[in-house]
Amino acid sequence: MTNEEIISKINGFLTEEFEVDESIISPDATLKETLELDSLDYVDLVVIIEGNFGIKVKQEDFTGIRTFQNLYDYVISKLAQKA
């Protein structure tokens, strides 16, 4: 899976799960404000990432993820480690 395919997949499930228009998702936008996340939404997000990509997300890793680009980079990095 290419980086572009990974990013597209992430954007796809974010727009579906959090009911936002994909046009508001940009690499520099913050996850919390753009998706209007609360603490339970973060748990949902972790579960969705783990389910879609078959990777284990550690809480301490996820605390540094602020922007969509951070999220993309994290998932791409975890998938590369898994390969």
PDB file of N, CA and C in Angstrom:
ATOM      1  N   MET A   1       0.852  -1.173   0.000  1.00  0.00           N
ATOM      2  CA  MET A   1       0.000   0.000   0.000  1.00  0.00           C
ATOM      3  C   MET A   1       0.903   1.244   0.000  1.00  0.00           C
ATOM      4  N   THR A   2       0.630   2.155  -0.890  1.00  0.00           N
ATOM      5  CA  THR A   2       1.437   3.373  -0.984  1.00  0.00           C
ATOM      6  C   THR A   2       1.018   4.363   0.105  1.00  0.00           C
ATOM      7  N   ASN A   3       1.867   5.353   0.335  1.00  0.00           N
ATOM      8  CA  ASN A   3       1.530   6.387   1.322  1.00  0.00           C
ATOM      9  C   ASN A   3       0.240   7.099   0.945  1.00  0.00           C
ATOM     10  N   GLU A   4       0.055   7.361  -0.347  1.00  0.00           N
ATOM     11  CA  GLU A   4      -1.160   8.035  -0.797  1.00  0.00           C
ATOM     12  C   GLU A   4      -2.399   7.186  -0.521  1.00  0.00           C
ATOM     13  N   GLU A   5      -2.284   5.877  -0.718  1.00  0.00           N
ATOM     14  CA  GLU A   5      -3.407   4.977  -0.445  1.00  0.00           C
ATOM     15  C   GLU A   5      -3.719   4.941   1.056  1.00  0.00           C
ATOM     16  N   ILE A   6      -2.679   4.953   1.879  1.00  0.00           N
ATOM     17  CA  ILE A   6      -2.862   4.956   3.331  1.00  0.00           C
ATOM     18  C   ILE A   6      -3.581   6.232   3.756  1.00  0.00           C
ATOM     19  N   ILE A   7      -3.121   7.375   3.246  1.00  0.00           N
ATOM     20  CA  ILE A   7      -3.732   8.661   3.588  1.00  0.00           C
ATOM     21  C   ILE A   7      -5.185   8.698   3.128  1.00  0.00           C
ATOM     22  N   SER A   8      -5.450   8.205   1.936  1.00  0.00           N
ATOM     23  CA  SER A   8      -6.811   8.171   1.416  1.00  0.00           C
ATOM     24  C   SER A   8      -7.711   7.304   2.292  1.00  0.00           C
ATOM     25  N   LYS A   9      -7.194   6.162   2.719  1.00  0.00           N
ATOM     26  CA  LYS A   9      -7.964   5.262   3.575  1.00  0.00           C
ATOM     27  C   LYS A   9      -8.260   5.925   4.927  1.00  0.00           C
ATOM     28  N   ILE A  10      -7.253   6.582   5.496  1.00  0.00           N
ATOM     29  CA  ILE A  10      -7.448   7.280   6.773  1.00  0.00           C
ATOM     30  C   ILE A  10      -8.518   8.359   6.617  1.00  0.00           C
ATOM     31  N   ASN A  11      -8.382   9.192   5.591  1.00  0.00           N
ATOM     32  CA  ASN A  11      -9.365  10.262   5.374  1.00  0.00           C
ATOM     33  C   ASN A  11     -10.757   9.690   5.167  1.00  0.00           C
ATOM     34  N   GLY A  12     -10.839   8.568   4.477  1.00  0.00           N
ATOM     35  CA  GLY A  12     -12.130   7.937   4.225  1.00  0.00           C
ATOM     36  C   GLY A  12     -12.829   7.512   5.496  1.00  0.00           C
ATOM     37  N   PHE A  13     -12.109   6.827   6.383  1.00  0.00           N
ATOM     38  CA  PHE A  13     -12.800   6.393   7.600  1.00  0.00           C
ATOM     39  C   PHE A  13     -13.006   7.540   8.584  1.00  0.00           C
ATOM     40  N   LEU A  14     -12.165   8.568   8.540  1.00  0.00           N
ATOM     41  CA  LEU A  14     -12.401   9.726   9.410  1.00  0.00           C
ATOM     42  C   LEU A  14     -13.661  10.474   8.996  1.00  0.00           C
ATOM     43  N   THR A  15     -13.841  10.665   7.697  1.00  0.00           N
ATOM     44  CA  THR A  15     -15.034  11.388   7.237  1.00  0.00           C
ATOM     45  C   THR A  15     -16.300  10.597   7.532  1.00  0.00           C
ATOM     46  N   GLU A  16     -16.211   9.288   7.413  1.00  0.00           N
ATOM     47  CA  GLU A  16     -17.378   8.446   7.683  1.00  0.00           C
ATOM     48  C   GLU A  16     -17.687   8.380   9.179  1.00  0.00           C
ATOM     49  N   GLU A  17     -16.677   8.077   9.971  1.00  0.00           N
ATOM     50  CA  GLU A  17     -16.880   7.887  11.410  1.00  0.00           C
ATOM     51  C   GLU A  17     -17.260   9.189  12.131  1.00  0.00           C
ATOM     52  N   PHE A  18     -16.611  10.285  11.758  1.00  0.00           N
ATOM     53  CA  PHE A  18     -16.831  11.538  12.481  1.00  0.00           C
ATOM     54  C   PHE A  18     -17.716  12.515  11.708  1.00  0.00           C
ATOM     55  N   GLU A  19     -18.274  12.042  10.595  1.00  0.00           N
ATOM     56  CA  GLU A  19     -19.260  12.784   9.806  1.00  0.00           C
ATOM     57  C   GLU A  19     -18.806  14.209   9.487  1.00  0.00           C
ATOM     58  N   VAL A  20     -17.619  14.298   8.871  1.00  0.00           N
ATOM     59  CA  VAL A  20     -17.107  15.585   8.413  1.00  0.00           C
ATOM     60  C   VAL A  20     -16.852  15.507   6.914  1.00  0.00           C
ATOM     61  N   ASP A  21     -16.829  16.651   6.281  1.00  0.00           N
ATOM     62  CA  ASP A  21     -16.539  16.730   4.857  1.00  0.00           C
ATOM     63  C   ASP A  21     -15.032  16.588   4.658  1.00  0.00           C
ATOM     64  N   GLU A  22     -14.640  15.743   3.719  1.00  0.00           N
ATOM     65  CA  GLU A  22     -13.221  15.492   3.504  1.00  0.00           C
ATOM     66  C   GLU A  22     -12.462  16.762   3.117  1.00  0.00           C
ATOM     67  N   SER A  23     -13.163  17.748   2.587  1.00  0.00           N
ATOM     68  CA  SER A  23     -12.502  18.983   2.165  1.00  0.00           C
ATOM     69  C   SER A  23     -11.909  19.762   3.338  1.00  0.00           C
ATOM     70  N   ILE A  24     -12.395  19.536   4.567  1.00  0.00           N
ATOM     71  CA  ILE A  24     -11.837  20.261   5.713  1.00  0.00           C
ATOM     72  C   ILE A  24     -10.618  19.561   6.300  1.00  0.00           C
ATOM     73  N   ILE A  25     -10.308  18.373   5.812  1.00  0.00           N
ATOM     74  CA  ILE A  25      -9.148  17.633   6.300  1.00  0.00           C
ATOM     75  C   ILE A  25      -7.928  18.049   5.483  1.00  0.00           C
ATOM     76  N   SER A  26      -6.933  18.593   6.182  1.00  0.00           N
ATOM     77  CA  SER A  26      -5.679  18.943   5.528  1.00  0.00           C
ATOM     78  C   SER A  26      -4.537  18.514   6.450  1.00  0.00           C
ATOM     79  N   PRO A  27      -3.368  18.260   5.905  1.00  0.00           N
ATOM     80  CA  PRO A  27      -2.257  17.762   6.727  1.00  0.00           C
ATOM     81  C   PRO A  27      -1.939  18.618   7.947  1.00  0.00           C
ATOM     82  N   ASP A  28      -2.056  19.933   7.832  1.00  0.00           N
ATOM     83  CA  ASP A  28      -1.702  20.817   8.939  1.00  0.00           C
ATOM     84  C   ASP A  28      -2.832  21.077   9.922  1.00  0.00           C
ATOM     85  N   ALA A  29      -4.040  20.644   9.595  1.00  0.00           N
ATOM     86  CA  ALA A  29      -5.185  20.866  10.484  1.00  0.00           C
ATOM     87  C   ALA A  29      -5.057  19.986  11.723  1.00  0.00           C
ATOM     88  N   THR A  30      -5.573  20.474  12.840  1.00  0.00           N
ATOM     89  CA  THR A  30      -5.518  19.687  14.071  1.00  0.00           C
ATOM     90  C   THR A  30      -6.683  18.705  14.115  1.00  0.00           C
ATOM     91  N   LEU A  31      -6.391  17.514  14.601  1.00  0.00           N
ATOM     92  CA  LEU A  31      -7.420  16.470  14.704  1.00  0.00           C
ATOM     93  C   LEU A  31      -8.550  16.906  15.629  1.00  0.00           C
ATOM     94  N   LYS A  32      -8.178  17.365  16.815  1.00  0.00           N
ATOM     95  CA  LYS A  32      -9.173  17.667  17.842  1.00  0.00           C
ATOM     96  C   LYS A  32     -10.180  18.717  17.371  1.00  0.00           C
ATOM     97  N   GLU A  33      -9.700  19.820  16.829  1.00  0.00           N
ATOM     98  CA  GLU A  33     -10.600  20.888  16.418  1.00  0.00           C
ATOM     99  C   GLU A  33     -11.370  20.531  15.145  1.00  0.00           C
ATOM    100  N   THR A  34     -10.678  19.948  14.175  1.00  0.00           N
ATOM    101  CA  THR A  34     -11.322  19.642  12.896  1.00  0.00           C
ATOM    102  C   THR A  34     -12.420  18.600  13.052  1.00  0.00           C
ATOM    103  N   LEU A  35     -12.135  17.562  13.832  1.00  0.00           N
ATOM    104  CA  LEU A  35     -13.106  16.480  14.007  1.00  0.00           C
ATOM    105  C   LEU A  35     -13.969  16.657  15.253  1.00  0.00           C
ATOM    106  N   GLU A  36     -13.700  17.723  16.017  1.00  0.00           N
ATOM    107  CA  GLU A  36     -14.422  18.002  17.264  1.00  0.00           C
ATOM    108  C   GLU A  36     -14.385  16.788  18.193  1.00  0.00           C
ATOM    109  N   LEU A  37     -13.170  16.329  18.473  1.00  0.00           N
ATOM    110  CA  LEU A  37     -12.976  15.119  19.270  1.00  0.00           C
ATOM    111  C   LEU A  37     -13.027  15.396  20.760  1.00  0.00           C
ATOM    112  N   ASP A  38     -13.658  14.468  21.498  1.00  0.00           N
ATOM    113  CA  ASP A  38     -13.537  14.452  22.940  1.00  0.00           C
ATOM    114  C   ASP A  38     -12.737  13.204  23.311  1.00  0.00           C
ATOM    115  N   SER A  39     -12.555  12.946  24.578  1.00  0.00           N
ATOM    116  CA  SER A  39     -11.694  11.840  24.986  1.00  0.00           C
ATOM    117  C   SER A  39     -12.219  10.483  24.502  1.00  0.00           C
ATOM    118  N   LEU A  40     -13.522  10.295  24.486  1.00  0.00           N
ATOM    119  CA  LEU A  40     -14.076   9.026  23.994  1.00  0.00           C
ATOM    120  C   LEU A  40     -13.867   8.873  22.493  1.00  0.00           C
ATOM    121  N   ASP A  41     -13.920   9.993  21.767  1.00  0.00           N
ATOM    122  CA  ASP A  41     -13.666   9.938  20.323  1.00  0.00           C
ATOM    123  C   ASP A  41     -12.245   9.490  20.031  1.00  0.00           C
ATOM    124  N   TYR A  42     -11.296   9.891  20.878  1.00  0.00           N
ATOM    125  CA  TYR A  42      -9.911   9.449  20.686  1.00  0.00           C
ATOM    126  C   TYR A  42      -9.807   7.934  20.828  1.00  0.00           C
ATOM    127  N   VAL A  43     -10.545   7.385  21.767  1.00  0.00           N
ATOM    128  CA  VAL A  43     -10.561   5.925  21.936  1.00  0.00           C
ATOM    129  C   VAL A  43     -11.123   5.272  20.673  1.00  0.00           C
ATOM    130  N   ASP A  44     -12.219   5.821  20.167  1.00  0.00           N
ATOM    131  CA  ASP A  44     -12.808   5.310  18.926  1.00  0.00           C
ATOM    132  C   ASP A  44     -11.808   5.385  17.778  1.00  0.00           C
ATOM    133  N   LEU A  45     -11.092   6.490  17.702  1.00  0.00           N
ATOM    134  CA  LEU A  45     -10.115   6.681  16.636  1.00  0.00           C
ATOM    135  C   LEU A  45      -9.020   5.625  16.699  1.00  0.00           C
ATOM    136  N   VAL A  46      -8.528   5.336  17.889  1.00  0.00           N
ATOM    137  CA  VAL A  46      -7.497   4.309  18.055  1.00  0.00           C
ATOM    138  C   VAL A  46      -8.025   2.946  17.618  1.00  0.00           C
ATOM    139  N   VAL A  47      -9.234   2.615  18.031  1.00  0.00           N
ATOM    140  CA  VAL A  47      -9.843   1.334  17.667  1.00  0.00           C
ATOM    141  C   VAL A  47      -9.995   1.227  16.149  1.00  0.00           C
ATOM    142  N   ILE A  48     -10.418   2.312  15.517  1.00  0.00           N
ATOM    143  CA  ILE A  48     -10.599   2.321  14.063  1.00  0.00           C
ATOM    144  C   ILE A  48      -9.259   2.125  13.350  1.00  0.00           C
ATOM    145  N   ILE A  49      -8.226   2.813  13.818  1.00  0.00           N
ATOM    146  CA  ILE A  49      -6.901   2.675  13.204  1.00  0.00           C
ATOM    147  C   ILE A  49      -6.409   1.243  13.350  1.00  0.00           C
ATOM    148  N   GLU A  50      -6.529   0.701  14.551  1.00  0.00           N
ATOM    149  CA  GLU A  50      -6.074  -0.671  14.776  1.00  0.00           C
ATOM    150  C   GLU A  50      -6.841  -1.652  13.902  1.00  0.00           C
ATOM    151  N   GLY A  51      -8.139  -1.470  13.780  1.00  0.00           N
ATOM    152  CA  GLY A  51      -8.964  -2.372  12.986  1.00  0.00           C
ATOM    153  C   GLY A  51      -8.699  -2.272  11.496  1.00  0.00           C
ATOM    154  N   ASN A  52      -8.467  -1.067  11.004  1.00  0.00           N
ATOM    155  CA  ASN A  52      -8.263  -0.873   9.571  1.00  0.00           C
ATOM    156  C   ASN A  52      -6.875  -1.253   9.096  1.00  0.00           C
ATOM    157  N   PHE A  53      -5.888  -1.133   9.986  1.00  0.00           N
ATOM    158  CA  PHE A  53      -4.515  -1.362   9.554  1.00  0.00           C
ATOM    159  C   PHE A  53      -3.833  -2.535  10.250  1.00  0.00           C
ATOM    160  N   GLY A  54      -4.486  -3.133  11.230  1.00  0.00           N
ATOM    161  CA  GLY A  54      -3.900  -4.284  11.911  1.00  0.00           C
ATOM    162  C   GLY A  54      -2.640  -3.936  12.688  1.00  0.00           C
ATOM    163  N   ILE A  55      -2.597  -2.732  13.243  1.00  0.00           N
ATOM    164  CA  ILE A  55      -1.446  -2.324  14.044  1.00  0.00           C
ATOM    165  C   ILE A  55      -1.917  -2.034  15.459  1.00  0.00           C
ATOM    166  N   LYS A  56      -1.002  -2.103  16.399  1.00  0.00           N
ATOM    167  CA  LYS A  56      -1.307  -1.801  17.800  1.00  0.00           C
ATOM    168  C   LYS A  56      -0.861  -0.376  18.086  1.00  0.00           C
ATOM    169  N   VAL A  57      -1.785   0.439  18.565  1.00  0.00           N
ATOM    170  CA  VAL A  57      -1.485   1.834  18.881  1.00  0.00           C
ATOM    171  C   VAL A  57      -1.316   1.954  20.391  1.00  0.00           C
ATOM    172  N   LYS A  58      -0.136   2.420  20.799  1.00  0.00           N
ATOM    173  CA  LYS A  58       0.123   2.627  22.221  1.00  0.00           C
ATOM    174  C   LYS A  58      -0.326   4.031  22.606  1.00  0.00           C
ATOM    175  N   GLN A  59      -0.897   4.136  23.790  1.00  0.00           N
ATOM    176  CA  GLN A  59      -1.403   5.426  24.248  1.00  0.00           C
ATOM    177  C   GLN A  59      -0.303   6.481  24.260  1.00  0.00           C
ATOM    178  N   GLU A  60       0.886   6.094  24.730  1.00  0.00           N
ATOM    179  CA  GLU A  60       1.967   7.078  24.805  1.00  0.00           C
ATOM    180  C   GLU A  60       2.413   7.554  23.426  1.00  0.00           C
ATOM    181  N   ASP A  61       2.279   6.702  22.405  1.00  0.00           N
ATOM    182  CA  ASP A  61       2.592   7.124  21.037  1.00  0.00           C
ATOM    183  C   ASP A  61       1.556   8.117  20.532  1.00  0.00           C
ATOM    184  N   PHE A  62       0.324   7.875  20.889  1.00  0.00           N
ATOM    185  CA  PHE A  62      -0.776   8.658  20.332  1.00  0.00           C
ATOM    186  C   PHE A  62      -0.867  10.055  20.943  1.00  0.00           C
ATOM    187  N   THR A  63      -0.295  10.256  22.115  1.00  0.00           N
ATOM    188  CA  THR A  63      -0.403  11.560  22.762  1.00  0.00           C
ATOM    189  C   THR A  63       0.311  12.664  21.969  1.00  0.00           C
ATOM    190  N   GLY A  64       1.290  12.312  21.149  1.00  0.00           N
ATOM    191  CA  GLY A  64       1.998  13.312  20.355  1.00  0.00           C
ATOM    192  C   GLY A  64       1.345  13.621  19.020  1.00  0.00           C
ATOM    193  N   ILE A  65       0.264  12.951  18.722  1.00  0.00           N
ATOM    194  CA  ILE A  65      -0.401  13.144  17.437  1.00  0.00           C
ATOM    195  C   ILE A  65      -1.397  14.295  17.562  1.00  0.00           C
ATOM    196  N   ARG A  66      -1.067  15.393  16.916  1.00  0.00           N
ATOM    197  CA  ARG A  66      -1.917  16.588  16.984  1.00  0.00           C
ATOM    198  C   ARG A  66      -2.578  16.897  15.641  1.00  0.00           C
ATOM    199  N   THR A  67      -1.836  16.730  14.555  1.00  0.00           N
ATOM    200  CA  THR A  67      -2.346  17.090  13.231  1.00  0.00           C
ATOM    201  C   THR A  67      -2.621  15.830  12.408  1.00  0.00           C
ATOM    202  N   PHE A  68      -3.303  16.031  11.304  1.00  0.00           N
ATOM    203  CA  PHE A  68      -3.544  14.907  10.395  1.00  0.00           C
ATOM    204  C   PHE A  68      -2.220  14.367   9.865  1.00  0.00           C
ATOM    205  N   GLN A  69      -1.260  15.258   9.594  1.00  0.00           N
ATOM    206  CA  GLN A  69       0.046  14.794   9.111  1.00  0.00           C
ATOM    207  C   GLN A  69       0.723  13.914  10.148  1.00  0.00           C
ATOM    208  N   ASN A  70       0.621  14.281  11.435  1.00  0.00           N
ATOM    209  CA  ASN A  70       1.167  13.432  12.501  1.00  0.00           C
ATOM    210  C   ASN A  70       0.542  12.050  12.462  1.00  0.00           C
ATOM    211  N   LEU A  71      -0.761  12.012  12.257  1.00  0.00           N
ATOM    212  CA  LEU A  71      -1.480  10.737  12.188  1.00  0.00           C
ATOM    213  C   LEU A  71      -1.029   9.927  10.986  1.00  0.00           C
ATOM    214  N   TYR A  72      -0.947  10.574   9.821  1.00  0.00           N
ATOM    215  CA  TYR A  72      -0.491   9.869   8.616  1.00  0.00           C
ATOM    216  C   TYR A  72       0.902   9.291   8.832  1.00  0.00           C
ATOM    217  N   ASP A  73       1.807  10.121   9.342  1.00  0.00           N
ATOM    218  CA  ASP A  73       3.186   9.686   9.551  1.00  0.00           C
ATOM    219  C   ASP A  73       3.256   8.516  10.525  1.00  0.00           C
ATOM    220  N   TYR A  74       2.452   8.587  11.576  1.00  0.00           N
ATOM    221  CA  TYR A  74       2.441   7.521  12.582  1.00  0.00           C
ATOM    222  C   TYR A  74       1.996   6.195  11.969  1.00  0.00           C
ATOM    223  N   VAL A  75       0.885   6.222  11.255  1.00  0.00           N
ATOM    224  CA  VAL A  75       0.366   4.982  10.657  1.00  0.00           C
ATOM    225  C   VAL A  75       1.342   4.442   9.617  1.00  0.00           C
ATOM    226  N   ILE A  76       1.881   5.306   8.775  1.00  0.00           N
ATOM    227  CA  ILE A  76       2.849   4.876   7.753  1.00  0.00           C
ATOM    228  C   ILE A  76       4.067   4.249   8.415  1.00  0.00           C
ATOM    229  N   SER A  77       4.549   4.865   9.495  1.00  0.00           N
ATOM    230  CA  SER A  77       5.712   4.347  10.211  1.00  0.00           C
ATOM    231  C   SER A  77       5.414   2.973  10.831  1.00  0.00           C
ATOM    232  N   LYS A  78       4.251   2.844  11.462  1.00  0.00           N
ATOM    233  CA  LYS A  78       3.873   1.562  12.098  1.00  0.00           C
ATOM    234  C   LYS A  78       3.720   0.453  11.044  1.00  0.00           C
ATOM    235  N   LEU A  79       3.156   0.800   9.902  1.00  0.00           N
ATOM    236  CA  LEU A  79       2.999  -0.195   8.835  1.00  0.00           C
ATOM    237  C   LEU A  79       4.353  -0.607   8.270  1.00  0.00           C
ATOM    238  N   ALA A  80       5.281   0.335   8.186  1.00  0.00           N
ATOM    239  CA  ALA A  80       6.629   0.014   7.691  1.00  0.00           C
ATOM    240  C   ALA A  80       7.338  -0.914   8.677  1.00  0.00           C
ATOM    241  N   GLN A  81       7.156  -0.698   9.966  1.00  0.00           N
ATOM    242  CA  GLN A  81       7.755  -1.568  10.987  1.00  0.00           C
ATOM    243  C   GLN A  81       7.166  -2.965  10.925  1.00  0.00           C
ATOM    244  N   LYS A  82       5.893  -3.025  10.606  1.00  0.00           N
ATOM    245  CA  LYS A  82       5.182  -4.307  10.548  1.00  0.00           C
ATOM    246  C   LYS A  82       5.593  -5.145   9.346  1.00  0.00           C
ATOM    247  N   ALA A  83       5.961  -4.463   8.260  1.00  0.00           N
ATOM    248  CA  ALA A  83       6.272  -5.150   6.992  1.00  0.00           C
ATOM    249  C   ALA A  83       7.542  -5.964   7.053  1.00  0.00           C
TER     250      ALA A  83
END
